[in-house]
Amino acid sequence: MKQRFDIIESTCVPLPLENVDTDQIIPARFLKATTRDERFFGDNLFRDWRYRPDGTPVEGFVLNDPRYGGEILVAGRNFGSGSSREHAAWAIAGYGFKVVISSFFADIHKNNKLNNFVLPVVVTPDFLEELFASIEADPATKVRVDVPNQTVTNLATGRRESFELNAYKKYCLMNALDDIDYLLLQRGRIEAYENR
């Protein structure tokens, strides 16, 4: 979903598991869907962890725990490894997450998230561990992600870190532009170049 990114302050959903691959994020059977409906994919985010085969919720899985919610997913190292399916980014966005924080993302998944208006924030392992500890101690812990200044702050401790963000993608996120929108904005310059 196209949306402008500025400062996001939210509670978090903790998923302290490493090597979560895209098949766990959105199982392969959902890749056959002919819809791009974000809600469909969001409803099936972590489907096999969230629900039993009969469709009943798995007690204890974090997305089924009423203590946790918000627009930020905090995930363990190497989030989004495996296949390059863009559907994984659709599912994360469709669920309502605007930001995913981890100490490492698989490159293709990271780019898929950026292309689908989900901001991947890479932090140090120490910061990530502190964040998990803060959320465990108090599920109401909030995090502030400042996109213009490229900082992330654990509001429970006040600790802040900077994160990297490609200048082009930052511009697109802050202006709610996908790649086609950006090219259309450059149409006059492109046509002038072609005419020369």
C-alpha atoms as a PDB file:
ATOM      1  CA  MET A   1       0.000   0.000   0.000  1.00  0.00           C
ATOM      2  CA  LYS A   2       1.430   3.347  -1.022  1.00  0.00           C
ATOM      3  CA  GLN A   3       1.908   5.590   1.988  1.00  0.00           C
ATOM      4  CA  ARG A   4       4.199   8.420   2.988  1.00  0.00           C
ATOM      5  CA  PHE A   5       6.884   7.538   5.507  1.00  0.00           C
ATOM      6  CA  ASP A   6       8.027  10.087   8.060  1.00  0.00           C
ATOM      7  CA  ILE A   7       8.189   9.204  11.763  1.00  0.00           C
ATOM      8  CA  ILE A   8       6.651   5.911  12.811  1.00  0.00           C
ATOM      9  CA  GLU A   9       6.161   5.379  16.539  1.00  0.00           C
ATOM     10  CA  SER A  10       4.560   2.114  17.505  1.00  0.00           C
ATOM     11  CA  THR A  11       4.470  -0.892  19.767  1.00  0.00           C
ATOM     12  CA  CYS A  12       6.101  -3.997  18.307  1.00  0.00           C
ATOM     13  CA  VAL A  13       5.513  -7.640  17.541  1.00  0.00           C
ATOM     14  CA  PRO A  14       8.583  -9.680  18.558  1.00  0.00           C
ATOM     15  CA  LEU A  15       9.656 -12.707  16.518  1.00  0.00           C
ATOM     16  CA  PRO A  16      13.040 -13.676  18.016  1.00  0.00           C
ATOM     17  CA  LEU A  17      13.693 -16.478  15.535  1.00  0.00           C
ATOM     18  CA  GLU A  18      16.695 -16.588  13.207  1.00  0.00           C
ATOM     19  CA  ASN A  19      16.690 -17.667   9.561  1.00  0.00           C
ATOM     20  CA  VAL A  20      12.974 -17.119   8.984  1.00  0.00           C
ATOM     21  CA  ASP A  21      12.593 -17.822   5.281  1.00  0.00           C
ATOM     22  CA  THR A  22      10.004 -16.625   2.807  1.00  0.00           C
ATOM     23  CA  ASP A  23       8.206 -19.984   2.823  1.00  0.00           C
ATOM     24  CA  GLN A  24       7.545 -19.480   6.518  1.00  0.00           C
ATOM     25  CA  ILE A  25       6.467 -15.890   5.911  1.00  0.00           C
ATOM     26  CA  ILE A  26       3.978 -16.949   3.219  1.00  0.00           C
ATOM     27  CA  PRO A  27       3.751 -20.665   2.341  1.00  0.00           C
ATOM     28  CA  ALA A  28       4.229 -21.655  -1.302  1.00  0.00           C
ATOM     29  CA  ARG A  29       0.615 -22.765  -1.778  1.00  0.00           C
ATOM     30  CA  PHE A  30      -0.473 -19.113  -1.614  1.00  0.00           C
ATOM     31  CA  LEU A  31       1.718 -18.168  -4.580  1.00  0.00           C
ATOM     32  CA  LYS A  32      -0.960 -19.595  -6.880  1.00  0.00           C
ATOM     33  CA  ALA A  33      -3.404 -16.885  -5.833  1.00  0.00           C
ATOM     34  CA  THR A  34      -4.586 -14.658  -8.655  1.00  0.00           C
ATOM     35  CA  THR A  35      -5.337 -11.754  -6.320  1.00  0.00           C
ATOM     36  CA  ARG A  36      -3.057  -8.944  -5.223  1.00  0.00           C
ATOM     37  CA  ASP A  37      -5.434  -8.171  -2.361  1.00  0.00           C
ATOM     38  CA  GLU A  38      -3.199  -7.189   0.545  1.00  0.00           C
ATOM     39  CA  ARG A  39      -5.676  -8.458   3.095  1.00  0.00           C
ATOM     40  CA  PHE A  40      -5.618 -11.960   1.581  1.00  0.00           C
ATOM     41  CA  PHE A  41      -1.848 -12.171   1.943  1.00  0.00           C
ATOM     42  CA  GLY A  42      -1.851 -10.421   5.322  1.00  0.00           C
ATOM     43  CA  ASP A  43      -4.392 -12.903   6.643  1.00  0.00           C
ATOM     44  CA  ASN A  44      -2.009 -15.697   5.659  1.00  0.00           C
ATOM     45  CA  LEU A  45       1.203 -14.194   7.029  1.00  0.00           C
ATOM     46  CA  PHE A  46       3.026 -16.985   8.918  1.00  0.00           C
ATOM     47  CA  ARG A  47       0.007 -19.151   8.113  1.00  0.00           C
ATOM     48  CA  ASP A  48       1.484 -22.470   9.198  1.00  0.00           C
ATOM     49  CA  TRP A  49       2.727 -21.022  12.472  1.00  0.00           C
ATOM     50  CA  ARG A  50      -0.473 -19.068  13.189  1.00  0.00           C
ATOM     51  CA  TYR A  51      -3.056 -21.750  12.422  1.00  0.00           C
ATOM     52  CA  ARG A  52      -3.517 -25.482  12.695  1.00  0.00           C
ATOM     53  CA  PRO A  53      -4.592 -27.409   9.558  1.00  0.00           C
ATOM     54  CA  ASP A  54      -8.241 -27.077  10.686  1.00  0.00           C
ATOM     55  CA  GLY A  55      -7.900 -23.266  10.775  1.00  0.00           C
ATOM     56  CA  THR A  56      -7.921 -22.821  14.551  1.00  0.00           C
ATOM     57  CA  PRO A  57      -5.336 -20.392  15.941  1.00  0.00           C
ATOM     58  CA  VAL A  58      -2.136 -21.772  17.470  1.00  0.00           C
ATOM     59  CA  GLU A  59      -2.041 -20.560  21.051  1.00  0.00           C
ATOM     60  CA  GLY A  60       1.228 -18.983  21.995  1.00  0.00           C
ATOM     61  CA  PHE A  61       2.196 -17.795  18.512  1.00  0.00           C
ATOM     62  CA  VAL A  62       2.993 -14.111  18.757  1.00  0.00           C
ATOM     63  CA  LEU A  63       0.457 -12.909  16.159  1.00  0.00           C
ATOM     64  CA  ASN A  64      -2.252 -14.658  18.180  1.00  0.00           C
ATOM     65  CA  ASP A  65      -1.103 -13.104  21.463  1.00  0.00           C
ATOM     66  CA  PRO A  66      -3.241 -10.070  22.365  1.00  0.00           C
ATOM     67  CA  ARG A  67      -0.352  -8.544  24.315  1.00  0.00           C
ATOM     68  CA  TYR A  68       1.471  -7.743  21.083  1.00  0.00           C
ATOM     69  CA  GLY A  69       0.527  -5.533  18.180  1.00  0.00           C
ATOM     70  CA  GLY A  70       1.593  -2.508  16.225  1.00  0.00           C
ATOM     71  CA  GLU A  71       3.161  -1.493  12.938  1.00  0.00           C
ATOM     72  CA  ILE A  72       6.669  -2.785  13.687  1.00  0.00           C
ATOM     73  CA  LEU A  73       7.832  -6.400  13.456  1.00  0.00           C
ATOM     74  CA  VAL A  74      11.077  -7.124  15.311  1.00  0.00           C
ATOM     75  CA  ALA A  75      12.677 -10.242  13.848  1.00  0.00           C
ATOM     76  CA  GLY A  76      15.759 -12.351  14.411  1.00  0.00           C
ATOM     77  CA  ARG A  77      18.845 -12.382  12.207  1.00  0.00           C
ATOM     78  CA  ASN A  78      18.635 -13.408   8.544  1.00  0.00           C
ATOM     79  CA  PHE A  79      14.983 -12.559   8.057  1.00  0.00           C
ATOM     80  CA  GLY A  80      13.545 -13.267   4.606  1.00  0.00           C
ATOM     81  CA  SER A  81      16.047 -15.821   3.378  1.00  0.00           C
ATOM     82  CA  GLY A  82      15.060 -18.487   0.861  1.00  0.00           C
ATOM     83  CA  SER A  83      13.122 -17.904  -2.334  1.00  0.00           C
ATOM     84  CA  SER A  84      12.732 -14.478  -3.863  1.00  0.00           C
ATOM     85  CA  ARG A  85       8.902 -14.463  -3.726  1.00  0.00           C
ATOM     86  CA  GLU A  86       7.548 -10.936  -3.576  1.00  0.00           C
ATOM     87  CA  HIS A  87       4.439 -12.382  -1.933  1.00  0.00           C
ATOM     88  CA  ALA A  88       6.352 -12.402   1.371  1.00  0.00           C
ATOM     89  CA  ALA A  89       6.583  -8.608   1.270  1.00  0.00           C
ATOM     90  CA  TRP A  90       2.902  -8.431   0.262  1.00  0.00           C
ATOM     91  CA  ALA A  91       1.973 -10.516   3.303  1.00  0.00           C
ATOM     92  CA  ILE A  92       3.983  -8.342   5.697  1.00  0.00           C
ATOM     93  CA  ALA A  93       2.458  -5.163   4.267  1.00  0.00           C
ATOM     94  CA  GLY A  94      -1.005  -6.722   4.119  1.00  0.00           C
ATOM     95  CA  TYR A  95      -0.870  -7.592   7.796  1.00  0.00           C
ATOM     96  CA  GLY A  96      -0.211  -3.926   8.574  1.00  0.00           C
ATOM     97  CA  PHE A  97       3.499  -3.819   9.313  1.00  0.00           C
ATOM     98  CA  LYS A  98       5.247  -0.688   8.077  1.00  0.00           C
ATOM     99  CA  VAL A  99       8.673  -1.542   9.497  1.00  0.00           C
ATOM    100  CA  VAL A 100      10.642  -4.726  10.069  1.00  0.00           C
ATOM    101  CA  ILE A 101      13.688  -4.481  12.341  1.00  0.00           C
ATOM    102  CA  SER A 102      16.423  -7.123  12.252  1.00  0.00           C
ATOM    103  CA  SER A 103      20.195  -7.391  12.400  1.00  0.00           C
ATOM    104  CA  PHE A 104      20.320  -8.864   8.872  1.00  0.00           C
ATOM    105  CA  PHE A 105      17.949  -9.279   5.919  1.00  0.00           C
ATOM    106  CA  ALA A 106      18.272 -11.371   2.790  1.00  0.00           C
ATOM    107  CA  ASP A 107      18.988  -8.875  -0.015  1.00  0.00           C
ATOM    108  CA  ILE A 108      16.156  -9.773  -2.386  1.00  0.00           C
ATOM    109  CA  HIS A 109      13.592  -9.793   0.417  1.00  0.00           C
ATOM    110  CA  LYS A 110      14.901  -6.463   1.679  1.00  0.00           C
ATOM    111  CA  ASN A 111      14.408  -4.920  -1.768  1.00  0.00           C
ATOM    112  CA  ASN A 112      10.975  -6.507  -2.150  1.00  0.00           C
ATOM    113  CA  LYS A 113       9.924  -4.895   1.122  1.00  0.00           C
ATOM    114  CA  LEU A 114      11.141  -1.470   0.010  1.00  0.00           C
ATOM    115  CA  ASN A 115       9.245  -1.851  -3.274  1.00  0.00           C
ATOM    116  CA  ASN A 116       6.073  -2.621  -1.302  1.00  0.00           C
ATOM    117  CA  PHE A 117       6.277   0.190   1.264  1.00  0.00           C
ATOM    118  CA  VAL A 118       7.705  -1.794   4.144  1.00  0.00           C
ATOM    119  CA  LEU A 119      10.883  -0.338   5.622  1.00  0.00           C
ATOM    120  CA  PRO A 120      13.612  -2.854   6.561  1.00  0.00           C
ATOM    121  CA  VAL A 121      15.726  -1.406   9.383  1.00  0.00           C
ATOM    122  CA  VAL A 122      19.070  -3.071  10.043  1.00  0.00           C
ATOM    123  CA  VAL A 123      20.397  -2.658  13.590  1.00  0.00           C
ATOM    124  CA  THR A 124      23.347  -4.098  15.472  1.00  0.00           C
ATOM    125  CA  PRO A 125      22.891  -7.474  17.201  1.00  0.00           C
ATOM    126  CA  ASP A 126      23.238  -5.746  20.594  1.00  0.00           C
ATOM    127  CA  PHE A 127      20.500  -3.253  19.814  1.00  0.00           C
ATOM    128  CA  LEU A 128      18.251  -6.067  18.577  1.00  0.00           C
ATOM    129  CA  GLU A 129      18.776  -8.102  21.755  1.00  0.00           C
ATOM    130  CA  GLU A 130      18.051  -5.067  23.919  1.00  0.00           C
ATOM    131  CA  LEU A 131      14.886  -4.420  21.948  1.00  0.00           C
ATOM    132  CA  PHE A 132      13.687  -8.007  22.397  1.00  0.00           C
ATOM    133  CA  ALA A 133      14.406  -7.724  26.142  1.00  0.00           C
ATOM    134  CA  SER A 134      12.479  -4.435  26.406  1.00  0.00           C
ATOM    135  CA  ILE A 135       9.448  -5.889  24.612  1.00  0.00           C
ATOM    136  CA  GLU A 136       9.527  -9.036  26.744  1.00  0.00           C
ATOM    137  CA  ALA A 137       9.670  -6.931  29.923  1.00  0.00           C
ATOM    138  CA  ASP A 138       6.860  -4.668  28.716  1.00  0.00           C
ATOM    139  CA  PRO A 139       4.791  -5.478  25.595  1.00  0.00           C
ATOM    140  CA  ALA A 140       3.718  -1.812  25.538  1.00  0.00           C
ATOM    141  CA  THR A 141       7.298  -0.789  24.673  1.00  0.00           C
ATOM    142  CA  LYS A 142       7.364   1.604  21.744  1.00  0.00           C
ATOM    143  CA  VAL A 143       9.962   2.193  19.079  1.00  0.00           C
ATOM    144  CA  ARG A 144      10.388   5.365  17.042  1.00  0.00           C
ATOM    145  CA  VAL A 145      11.625   5.062  13.477  1.00  0.00           C
ATOM    146  CA  ASP A 146      12.614   8.449  12.071  1.00  0.00           C
ATOM    147  CA  VAL A 147      12.888   8.019   8.308  1.00  0.00           C
ATOM    148  CA  PRO A 148      14.121  11.554   7.469  1.00  0.00           C
ATOM    149  CA  ASN A 149      16.980  11.241   9.972  1.00  0.00           C
ATOM    150  CA  GLN A 150      17.401   7.480   9.491  1.00  0.00           C
ATOM    151  CA  THR A 151      17.363   6.663  13.195  1.00  0.00           C
ATOM    152  CA  VAL A 152      15.599   4.044  15.282  1.00  0.00           C
ATOM    153  CA  THR A 153      15.035   4.569  19.013  1.00  0.00           C
ATOM    154  CA  ASN A 154      14.002   2.125  21.712  1.00  0.00           C
ATOM    155  CA  LEU A 155      11.788   4.450  23.762  1.00  0.00           C
ATOM    156  CA  ALA A 156      12.007   2.156  26.795  1.00  0.00           C
ATOM    157  CA  THR A 157      15.755   2.751  27.142  1.00  0.00           C
ATOM    158  CA  GLY A 158      16.367   5.817  25.007  1.00  0.00           C
ATOM    159  CA  ARG A 159      19.006   3.970  23.003  1.00  0.00           C
ATOM    160  CA  ARG A 160      19.202   5.079  19.389  1.00  0.00           C
ATOM    161  CA  GLU A 161      20.946   3.798  16.303  1.00  0.00           C
ATOM    162  CA  SER A 162      21.268   5.028  12.748  1.00  0.00           C
ATOM    163  CA  PHE A 163      20.287   2.822   9.836  1.00  0.00           C
ATOM    164  CA  GLU A 164      21.207   2.863   6.171  1.00  0.00           C
ATOM    165  CA  LEU A 165      18.650   3.643   3.500  1.00  0.00           C
ATOM    166  CA  ASN A 166      19.285   4.125  -0.203  1.00  0.00           C
ATOM    167  CA  ALA A 167      18.661   7.799  -1.094  1.00  0.00           C
ATOM    168  CA  TYR A 168      16.374   6.925  -4.006  1.00  0.00           C
ATOM    169  CA  LYS A 169      14.249   4.532  -1.930  1.00  0.00           C
ATOM    170  CA  LYS A 170      14.139   7.050   0.908  1.00  0.00           C
ATOM    171  CA  TYR A 171      12.795   9.690  -1.495  1.00  0.00           C
ATOM    172  CA  CYS A 172      10.205   7.242  -2.817  1.00  0.00           C
ATOM    173  CA  LEU A 173       9.066   6.189   0.672  1.00  0.00           C
ATOM    174  CA  MET A 174       8.819   9.763   1.919  1.00  0.00           C
ATOM    175  CA  ASN A 175       6.760  10.767  -1.116  1.00  0.00           C
ATOM    176  CA  ALA A 176       4.613   7.605  -1.490  1.00  0.00           C
ATOM    177  CA  LEU A 177       6.071   6.846  -4.914  1.00  0.00           C
ATOM    178  CA  ASP A 178       6.703   3.474  -6.474  1.00  0.00           C
ATOM    179  CA  ASP A 179       9.211   3.117  -9.319  1.00  0.00           C
ATOM    180  CA  ILE A 180       6.602   3.838 -12.011  1.00  0.00           C
ATOM    181  CA  ASP A 181       5.349   6.927 -10.169  1.00  0.00           C
ATOM    182  CA  TYR A 182       8.918   8.197  -9.948  1.00  0.00           C
ATOM    183  CA  LEU A 183       9.498   7.660 -13.679  1.00  0.00           C
ATOM    184  CA  LEU A 184       6.261   9.458 -14.511  1.00  0.00           C
ATOM    185  CA  LEU A 185       7.451  12.438 -12.474  1.00  0.00           C
ATOM    186  CA  GLN A 186      10.554  12.493 -14.667  1.00  0.00           C
ATOM    187  CA  ARG A 187       8.560  12.290 -17.883  1.00  0.00           C
ATOM    188  CA  GLY A 188       9.372  15.844 -18.994  1.00  0.00           C
ATOM    189  CA  ARG A 189      13.088  15.329 -18.498  1.00  0.00           C
ATOM    190  CA  ILE A 190      12.984  11.937 -20.236  1.00  0.00           C
ATOM    191  CA  GLU A 191      11.127  13.375 -23.231  1.00  0.00           C
ATOM    192  CA  ALA A 192      13.536  16.339 -23.439  1.00  0.00           C
ATOM    193  CA  TYR A 193      16.468  13.909 -23.437  1.00  0.00           C
ATOM    194  CA  GLU A 194      14.871  11.770 -26.151  1.00  0.00           C
ATOM    195  CA  ASN A 195      14.149  14.823 -28.268  1.00  0.00           C
ATOM    196  CA  ARG A 196      17.810  15.904 -28.088  1.00  0.00           C
END
